PDB file of N, CA and C in Angstrom:
ATOM      1  N   MET A   1      19.010  37.950 -77.545  1.00  0.00           N
ATOM      2  CA  MET A   1      18.568  37.513 -76.231  1.00  0.00           C
ATOM      3  C   MET A   1      19.550  38.045 -75.187  1.00  0.00           C
ATOM      4  N   THR A   2      18.993  38.504 -74.088  1.00  0.00           N
ATOM      5  CA  THR A   2      19.820  38.989 -72.992  1.00  0.00           C
ATOM      6  C   THR A   2      20.018  37.894 -71.953  1.00  0.00           C
ATOM      7  N   LEU A   3      20.961  38.120 -71.050  1.00  0.00           N
ATOM      8  CA  LEU A   3      21.191  37.173 -69.963  1.00  0.00           C
ATOM      9  C   LEU A   3      19.943  37.043 -69.094  1.00  0.00           C
ATOM     10  N   GLU A   4      19.270  38.144 -68.856  1.00  0.00           N
ATOM     11  CA  GLU A   4      18.045  38.106 -68.042  1.00  0.00           C
ATOM     12  C   GLU A   4      16.966  37.260 -68.707  1.00  0.00           C
ATOM     13  N   GLU A   5      16.822  37.377 -70.019  1.00  0.00           N
ATOM     14  CA  GLU A   5      15.850  36.548 -70.749  1.00  0.00           C
ATOM     15  C   GLU A   5      16.242  35.076 -70.671  1.00  0.00           C
ATOM     16  N   PHE A   6      17.529  34.806 -70.798  1.00  0.00           N
ATOM     17  CA  PHE A   6      18.018  33.430 -70.719  1.00  0.00           C
ATOM     18  C   PHE A   6      17.715  32.819 -69.356  1.00  0.00           C
ATOM     19  N   LYS A   7      17.921  33.574 -68.305  1.00  0.00           N
ATOM     20  CA  LYS A   7      17.727  33.069 -66.946  1.00  0.00           C
ATOM     21  C   LYS A   7      16.270  32.725 -66.644  1.00  0.00           C
ATOM     22  N   LYS A   8      15.338  33.187 -67.450  1.00  0.00           N
ATOM     23  CA  LYS A   8      13.916  32.908 -67.226  1.00  0.00           C
ATOM     24  C   LYS A   8      13.526  31.498 -67.671  1.00  0.00           C
ATOM     25  N   PHE A   9      14.400  30.840 -68.439  1.00  0.00           N
ATOM     26  CA  PHE A   9      14.093  29.493 -68.907  1.00  0.00           C
ATOM     27  C   PHE A   9      14.311  28.488 -67.783  1.00  0.00           C
ATOM     28  N   ASP A  10      13.351  27.610 -67.601  1.00  0.00           N
ATOM     29  CA  ASP A  10      13.419  26.536 -66.614  1.00  0.00           C
ATOM     30  C   ASP A  10      14.379  25.457 -67.117  1.00  0.00           C
ATOM     31  N   LEU A  11      15.039  24.773 -66.211  1.00  0.00           N
ATOM     32  CA  LEU A  11      15.960  23.700 -66.597  1.00  0.00           C
ATOM     33  C   LEU A  11      15.261  22.569 -67.336  1.00  0.00           C
ATOM     34  N   GLU A  12      13.955  22.448 -67.148  1.00  0.00           N
ATOM     35  CA  GLU A  12      13.181  21.397 -67.827  1.00  0.00           C
ATOM     36  C   GLU A  12      12.697  21.827 -69.214  1.00  0.00           C
ATOM     37  N   TYR A  13      13.040  23.048 -69.622  1.00  0.00           N
ATOM     38  CA  TYR A  13      12.636  23.543 -70.935  1.00  0.00           C
ATOM     39  C   TYR A  13      13.276  22.687 -72.029  1.00  0.00           C
ATOM     40  N   THR A  14      12.477  22.216 -72.975  1.00  0.00           N
ATOM     41  CA  THR A  14      12.977  21.387 -74.065  1.00  0.00           C
ATOM     42  C   THR A  14      13.572  22.276 -75.146  1.00  0.00           C
ATOM     43  N   VAL A  15      14.878  22.171 -75.314  1.00  0.00           N
ATOM     44  CA  VAL A  15      15.588  22.953 -76.321  1.00  0.00           C
ATOM     45  C   VAL A  15      15.561  22.229 -77.660  1.00  0.00           C
ATOM     46  N   CYS A  16      15.911  20.951 -77.647  1.00  0.00           N
ATOM     47  CA  CYS A  16      15.919  20.137 -78.868  1.00  0.00           C
ATOM     48  C   CYS A  16      14.668  19.274 -78.872  1.00  0.00           C
ATOM     49  N   GLU A  17      13.715  19.666 -79.702  1.00  0.00           N
ATOM     50  CA  GLU A  17      12.451  18.927 -79.761  1.00  0.00           C
ATOM     51  C   GLU A  17      12.610  17.570 -80.449  1.00  0.00           C
ATOM     52  N   CYS A  18      13.545  17.453 -81.363  1.00  0.00           N
ATOM     53  CA  CYS A  18      13.726  16.194 -82.082  1.00  0.00           C
ATOM     54  C   CYS A  18      14.136  15.060 -81.143  1.00  0.00           C
ATOM     55  N   PHE A  19      14.994  15.377 -80.172  1.00  0.00           N
ATOM     56  CA  PHE A  19      15.491  14.353 -79.256  1.00  0.00           C
ATOM     57  C   PHE A  19      15.064  14.586 -77.808  1.00  0.00           C
ATOM     58  N   ASP A  20      14.166  15.549 -77.594  1.00  0.00           N
ATOM     59  CA  ASP A  20      13.614  15.834 -76.268  1.00  0.00           C
ATOM     60  C   ASP A  20      14.728  16.119 -75.242  1.00  0.00           C
ATOM     61  N   ILE A  21      15.628  17.027 -75.605  1.00  0.00           N
ATOM     62  CA  ILE A  21      16.767  17.364 -74.751  1.00  0.00           C
ATOM     63  C   ILE A  21      16.496  18.703 -74.068  1.00  0.00           C
ATOM     64  N   THR A  22      16.652  18.700 -72.757  1.00  0.00           N
ATOM     65  CA  THR A  22      16.310  19.881 -71.965  1.00  0.00           C
ATOM     66  C   THR A  22      17.508  20.806 -71.764  1.00  0.00           C
ATOM     67  N   LEU A  23      17.186  22.022 -71.345  1.00  0.00           N
ATOM     68  CA  LEU A  23      18.214  22.995 -71.004  1.00  0.00           C
ATOM     69  C   LEU A  23      19.119  22.453 -69.907  1.00  0.00           C
ATOM     70  N   GLY A  24      18.550  21.803 -68.910  1.00  0.00           N
ATOM     71  CA  GLY A  24      19.342  21.238 -67.825  1.00  0.00           C
ATOM     72  C   GLY A  24      20.342  20.210 -68.311  1.00  0.00           C
ATOM     73  N   GLU A  25      19.919  19.352 -69.224  1.00  0.00           N
ATOM     74  CA  GLU A  25      20.827  18.338 -69.779  1.00  0.00           C
ATOM     75  C   GLU A  25      21.960  18.993 -70.557  1.00  0.00           C
ATOM     76  N   LEU A  26      21.637  20.038 -71.294  1.00  0.00           N
ATOM     77  CA  LEU A  26      22.657  20.742 -72.067  1.00  0.00           C
ATOM     78  C   LEU A  26      23.642  21.467 -71.159  1.00  0.00           C
ATOM     79  N   LEU A  27      23.136  22.118 -70.117  1.00  0.00           N
ATOM     80  CA  LEU A  27      24.023  22.807 -69.177  1.00  0.00           C
ATOM     81  C   LEU A  27      24.935  21.819 -68.455  1.00  0.00           C
ATOM     82  N   GLU A  28      24.429  20.654 -68.148  1.00  0.00           N
ATOM     83  CA  GLU A  28      25.248  19.613 -67.511  1.00  0.00           C
ATOM     84  C   GLU A  28      26.353  19.161 -68.458  1.00  0.00           C
ATOM     85  N   ALA A  29      26.015  18.989 -69.727  1.00  0.00           N
ATOM     86  CA  ALA A  29      27.018  18.583 -70.715  1.00  0.00           C
ATOM     87  C   ALA A  29      28.094  19.664 -70.876  1.00  0.00           C
ATOM     88  N   ILE A  30      27.692  20.919 -70.831  1.00  0.00           N
ATOM     89  CA  ILE A  30      28.658  22.019 -70.912  1.00  0.00           C
ATOM     90  C   ILE A  30      29.544  22.013 -69.674  1.00  0.00           C
ATOM     91  N   LYS A  31      28.940  21.827 -68.520  1.00  0.00           N
ATOM     92  CA  LYS A  31      29.688  21.763 -67.256  1.00  0.00           C
ATOM     93  C   LYS A  31      30.722  20.642 -67.298  1.00  0.00           C
ATOM     94  N   ASN A  32      30.416  19.567 -68.015  1.00  0.00           N
ATOM     95  CA  ASN A  32      31.313  18.417 -68.122  1.00  0.00           C
ATOM     96  C   ASN A  32      32.351  18.574 -69.233  1.00  0.00           C
ATOM     97  N   GLY A  33      32.494  19.798 -69.766  1.00  0.00           N
ATOM     98  CA  GLY A  33      33.570  20.070 -70.715  1.00  0.00           C
ATOM     99  C   GLY A  33      33.183  20.211 -72.164  1.00  0.00           C
ATOM    100  N   ASN A  34      31.926  20.038 -72.497  1.00  0.00           N
ATOM    101  CA  ASN A  34      31.486  20.173 -73.887  1.00  0.00           C
ATOM    102  C   ASN A  34      31.155  21.637 -74.157  1.00  0.00           C
ATOM    103  N   ASP A  35      32.199  22.435 -74.398  1.00  0.00           N
ATOM    104  CA  ASP A  35      32.019  23.879 -74.468  1.00  0.00           C
ATOM    105  C   ASP A  35      32.114  24.456 -75.879  1.00  0.00           C
ATOM    106  N   THR A  36      31.981  23.596 -76.879  1.00  0.00           N
ATOM    107  CA  THR A  36      31.859  24.059 -78.263  1.00  0.00           C
ATOM    108  C   THR A  36      30.567  23.482 -78.826  1.00  0.00           C
ATOM    109  N   LEU A  37      30.074  24.098 -79.865  1.00  0.00           N
ATOM    110  CA  LEU A  37      28.832  23.613 -80.474  1.00  0.00           C
ATOM    111  C   LEU A  37      28.996  22.175 -80.943  1.00  0.00           C
ATOM    112  N   GLU A  38      30.122  21.882 -81.556  1.00  0.00           N
ATOM    113  CA  GLU A  38      30.354  20.540 -82.089  1.00  0.00           C
ATOM    114  C   GLU A  38      30.393  19.491 -80.974  1.00  0.00           C
ATOM    115  N   SER A  39      31.122  19.775 -79.897  1.00  0.00           N
ATOM    116  CA  SER A  39      31.206  18.777 -78.829  1.00  0.00           C
ATOM    117  C   SER A  39      29.885  18.636 -78.086  1.00  0.00           C
ATOM    118  N   LEU A  40      29.141  19.736 -77.955  1.00  0.00           N
ATOM    119  CA  LEU A  40      27.826  19.674 -77.311  1.00  0.00           C
ATOM    120  C   LEU A  40      26.873  18.818 -78.144  1.00  0.00           C
ATOM    121  N   MET A  41      26.909  18.995 -79.457  1.00  0.00           N
ATOM    122  CA  MET A  41      26.068  18.191 -80.338  1.00  0.00           C
ATOM    123  C   MET A  41      26.483  16.725 -80.306  1.00  0.00           C
ATOM    124  N   ASP A  42      27.789  16.465 -80.309  1.00  0.00           N
ATOM    125  CA  ASP A  42      28.282  15.084 -80.247  1.00  0.00           C
ATOM    126  C   ASP A  42      27.855  14.395 -78.953  1.00  0.00           C
ATOM    127  N   GLU A  43      27.938  15.111 -77.841  1.00  0.00           N
ATOM    128  CA  GLU A  43      27.637  14.540 -76.532  1.00  0.00           C
ATOM    129  C   GLU A  43      26.146  14.288 -76.328  1.00  0.00           C
ATOM    130  N   THR A  44      25.298  15.204 -76.819  1.00  0.00           N
ATOM    131  CA  THR A  44      23.871  15.141 -76.493  1.00  0.00           C
ATOM    132  C   THR A  44      22.966  14.773 -77.663  1.00  0.00           C
ATOM    133  N   ASP A  45      23.458  14.850 -78.875  1.00  0.00           N
ATOM    134  CA  ASP A  45      22.687  14.688 -80.116  1.00  0.00           C
ATOM    135  C   ASP A  45      21.807  15.898 -80.422  1.00  0.00           C
ATOM    136  N   ALA A  46      21.741  16.868 -79.527  1.00  0.00           N
ATOM    137  CA  ALA A  46      20.954  18.073 -79.797  1.00  0.00           C
ATOM    138  C   ALA A  46      21.481  18.751 -81.056  1.00  0.00           C
ATOM    139  N   GLY A  47      20.560  19.211 -81.882  1.00  0.00           N
ATOM    140  CA  GLY A  47      20.931  19.926 -83.091  1.00  0.00           C
ATOM    141  C   GLY A  47      21.375  19.062 -84.252  1.00  0.00           C
ATOM    142  N   THR A  48      21.303  17.753 -84.096  1.00  0.00           N
ATOM    143  CA  THR A  48      21.806  16.868 -85.150  1.00  0.00           C
ATOM    144  C   THR A  48      20.725  16.357 -86.097  1.00  0.00           C
ATOM    145  N   ALA A  49      19.475  16.685 -85.831  1.00  0.00           N
ATOM    146  CA  ALA A  49      18.397  16.227 -86.732  1.00  0.00           C
ATOM    147  C   ALA A  49      17.966  17.397 -87.622  1.00  0.00           C
ATOM    148  N   CYS A  50      16.952  18.131 -87.226  1.00  0.00           N
ATOM    149  CA  CYS A  50      16.455  19.212 -88.085  1.00  0.00           C
ATOM    150  C   CYS A  50      17.352  20.452 -88.050  1.00  0.00           C
ATOM    151  N   GLY A  51      18.081  20.649 -86.950  1.00  0.00           N
ATOM    152  CA  GLY A  51      19.028  21.759 -86.860  1.00  0.00           C
ATOM    153  C   GLY A  51      18.471  23.089 -86.403  1.00  0.00           C
ATOM    154  N   LEU A  52      17.170  23.185 -86.205  1.00  0.00           N
ATOM    155  CA  LEU A  52      16.592  24.469 -85.820  1.00  0.00           C
ATOM    156  C   LEU A  52      17.070  24.973 -84.472  1.00  0.00           C
ATOM    157  N   CYS A  53      17.443  24.079 -83.584  1.00  0.00           N
ATOM    158  CA  CYS A  53      17.875  24.511 -82.252  1.00  0.00           C
ATOM    159  C   CYS A  53      19.346  24.909 -82.205  1.00  0.00           C
ATOM    160  N   ARG A  54      20.067  24.768 -83.304  1.00  0.00           N
ATOM    161  CA  ARG A  54      21.493  25.108 -83.307  1.00  0.00           C
ATOM    162  C   ARG A  54      21.746  26.601 -83.116  1.00  0.00           C
ATOM    163  N   SER A  55      21.059  27.430 -83.911  1.00  0.00           N
ATOM    164  CA  SER A  55      21.313  28.867 -83.852  1.00  0.00           C
ATOM    165  C   SER A  55      20.123  29.636 -84.407  1.00  0.00           C
ATOM    166  N   VAL A  56      20.081  30.914 -84.070  1.00  0.00           N
ATOM    167  CA  VAL A  56      19.033  31.792 -84.588  1.00  0.00           C
ATOM    168  C   VAL A  56      19.132  31.849 -86.110  1.00  0.00           C
ATOM    169  N   GLU A  57      20.341  31.857 -86.633  1.00  0.00           N
ATOM    170  CA  GLU A  57      20.546  31.933 -88.078  1.00  0.00           C
ATOM    171  C   GLU A  57      19.950  30.728 -88.801  1.00  0.00           C
ATOM    172  N   GLU A  58      20.056  29.562 -88.204  1.00  0.00           N
ATOM    173  CA  GLU A  58      19.514  28.356 -88.827  1.00  0.00           C
ATOM    174  C   GLU A  58      18.013  28.222 -88.598  1.00  0.00           C
ATOM    175  N   ASP A  59      17.490  28.967 -87.638  1.00  0.00           N
ATOM    176  CA  ASP A  59      16.059  28.950 -87.305  1.00  0.00           C
ATOM    177  C   ASP A  59      15.412  30.215 -87.856  1.00  0.00           C
ATOM    178  N   GLU A  60      15.435  30.346 -89.175  1.00  0.00           N
ATOM    179  CA  GLU A  60      14.989  31.565 -89.845  1.00  0.00           C
ATOM    180  C   GLU A  60      13.557  31.963 -89.518  1.00  0.00           C
ATOM    181  N   ASP A  61      12.688  31.003 -89.267  1.00  0.00           N
ATOM    182  CA  ASP A  61      11.281  31.307 -88.984  1.00  0.00           C
ATOM    183  C   ASP A  61      11.012  31.520 -87.494  1.00  0.00           C
ATOM    184  N   GLY A  62      12.040  31.391 -86.659  1.00  0.00           N
ATOM    185  CA  GLY A  62      11.875  31.605 -85.226  1.00  0.00           C
ATOM    186  C   GLY A  62      11.032  30.540 -84.551  1.00  0.00           C
ATOM    187  N   ASP A  63      11.172  29.304 -84.995  1.00  0.00           N
ATOM    188  CA  ASP A  63      10.400  28.205 -84.418  1.00  0.00           C
ATOM    189  C   ASP A  63      10.839  27.844 -83.002  1.00  0.00           C
ATOM    190  N   ARG A  64      12.077  28.149 -82.648  1.00  0.00           N
ATOM    191  CA  ARG A  64      12.604  27.818 -81.315  1.00  0.00           C
ATOM    192  C   ARG A  64      12.875  29.096 -80.537  1.00  0.00           C
ATOM    193  N   GLU A  65      12.657  29.054 -79.240  1.00  0.00           N
ATOM    194  CA  GLU A  65      12.896  30.221 -78.400  1.00  0.00           C
ATOM    195  C   GLU A  65      14.331  30.308 -77.922  1.00  0.00           C
ATOM    196  N   LEU A  66      15.004  29.173 -77.838  1.00  0.00           N
ATOM    197  CA  LEU A  66      16.347  29.097 -77.291  1.00  0.00           C
ATOM    198  C   LEU A  66      17.182  28.184 -78.170  1.00  0.00           C
ATOM    199  N   HIS A  67      18.436  28.581 -78.395  1.00  0.00           N
ATOM    200  CA  HIS A  67      19.305  27.853 -79.314  1.00  0.00           C
ATOM    201  C   HIS A  67      20.612  27.461 -78.623  1.00  0.00           C
ATOM    202  N   LEU A  68      21.239  26.427 -79.155  1.00  0.00           N
ATOM    203  CA  LEU A  68      22.469  25.908 -78.572  1.00  0.00           C
ATOM    204  C   LEU A  68      23.558  26.966 -78.482  1.00  0.00           C
ATOM    205  N   ASP A  69      23.718  27.776 -79.534  1.00  0.00           N
ATOM    206  CA  ASP A  69      24.778  28.785 -79.493  1.00  0.00           C
ATOM    207  C   ASP A  69      24.525  29.825 -78.399  1.00  0.00           C
ATOM    208  N   GLU A  70      23.253  30.129 -78.133  1.00  0.00           N
ATOM    209  CA  GLU A  70      22.930  31.066 -77.051  1.00  0.00           C
ATOM    210  C   GLU A  70      23.236  30.443 -75.693  1.00  0.00           C
ATOM    211  N   ILE A  71      22.900  29.180 -75.543  1.00  0.00           N
ATOM    212  CA  ILE A  71      23.167  28.483 -74.270  1.00  0.00           C
ATOM    213  C   ILE A  71      24.667  28.456 -74.006  1.00  0.00           C
ATOM    214  N   LEU A  72      25.453  28.141 -75.024  1.00  0.00           N
ATOM    215  CA  LEU A  72      26.904  28.127 -74.858  1.00  0.00           C
ATOM    216  C   LEU A  72      27.423  29.506 -74.466  1.00  0.00           C
ATOM    217  N   LYS A  73      26.917  30.525 -75.113  1.00  0.00           N
ATOM    218  CA  LYS A  73      27.363  31.892 -74.824  1.00  0.00           C
ATOM    219  C   LYS A  73      27.098  32.248 -73.362  1.00  0.00           C
ATOM    220  N   PHE A  74      25.876  32.025 -72.910  1.00  0.00           N
ATOM    221  CA  PHE A  74      25.524  32.411 -71.544  1.00  0.00           C
ATOM    222  C   PHE A  74      26.147  31.497 -70.496  1.00  0.00           C
ATOM    223  N   ALA A  75      26.348  30.246 -70.834  1.00  0.00           N
ATOM    224  CA  ALA A  75      26.989  29.318 -69.890  1.00  0.00           C
ATOM    225  C   ALA A  75      28.455  29.719 -69.679  1.00  0.00           C
ATOM    226  N   LYS A  76      29.102  30.191 -70.722  1.00  0.00           N
ATOM    227  CA  LYS A  76      30.502  30.612 -70.611  1.00  0.00           C
ATOM    228  C   LYS A  76      30.634  31.911 -69.831  1.00  0.00           C
ATOM    229  N   GLU A  77      29.600  32.756 -69.878  1.00  0.00           N
ATOM    230  CA  GLU A  77      29.629  34.034 -69.170  1.00  0.00           C
ATOM    231  C   GLU A  77      29.392  33.873 -67.682  1.00  0.00           C
ATOM    232  N   ASN A  78      28.816  32.755 -67.265  1.00  0.00           N
ATOM    233  CA  ASN A  78      28.480  32.556 -65.853  1.00  0.00           C
ATOM    234  C   ASN A  78      29.348  31.529 -65.193  1.00  0.00           C
TER     235      ASN A  78
END
């Protein structure tokens, strides 16, 4: 995924379907200092159920369009 592709996602986009957690909520948690996958998961519960939203590697069938590790990467770059 490129930065341009990432920027096309709306803040209301649901990243974690298990807990209905949006991109905006995740970006806010990152802004508040949760800048590792573990701390982001601890703070928001995203990625703690089925795990598909954690990373592309864990989402082998491509069920999710956006993953926590990608969000962290792009949030740190901006």
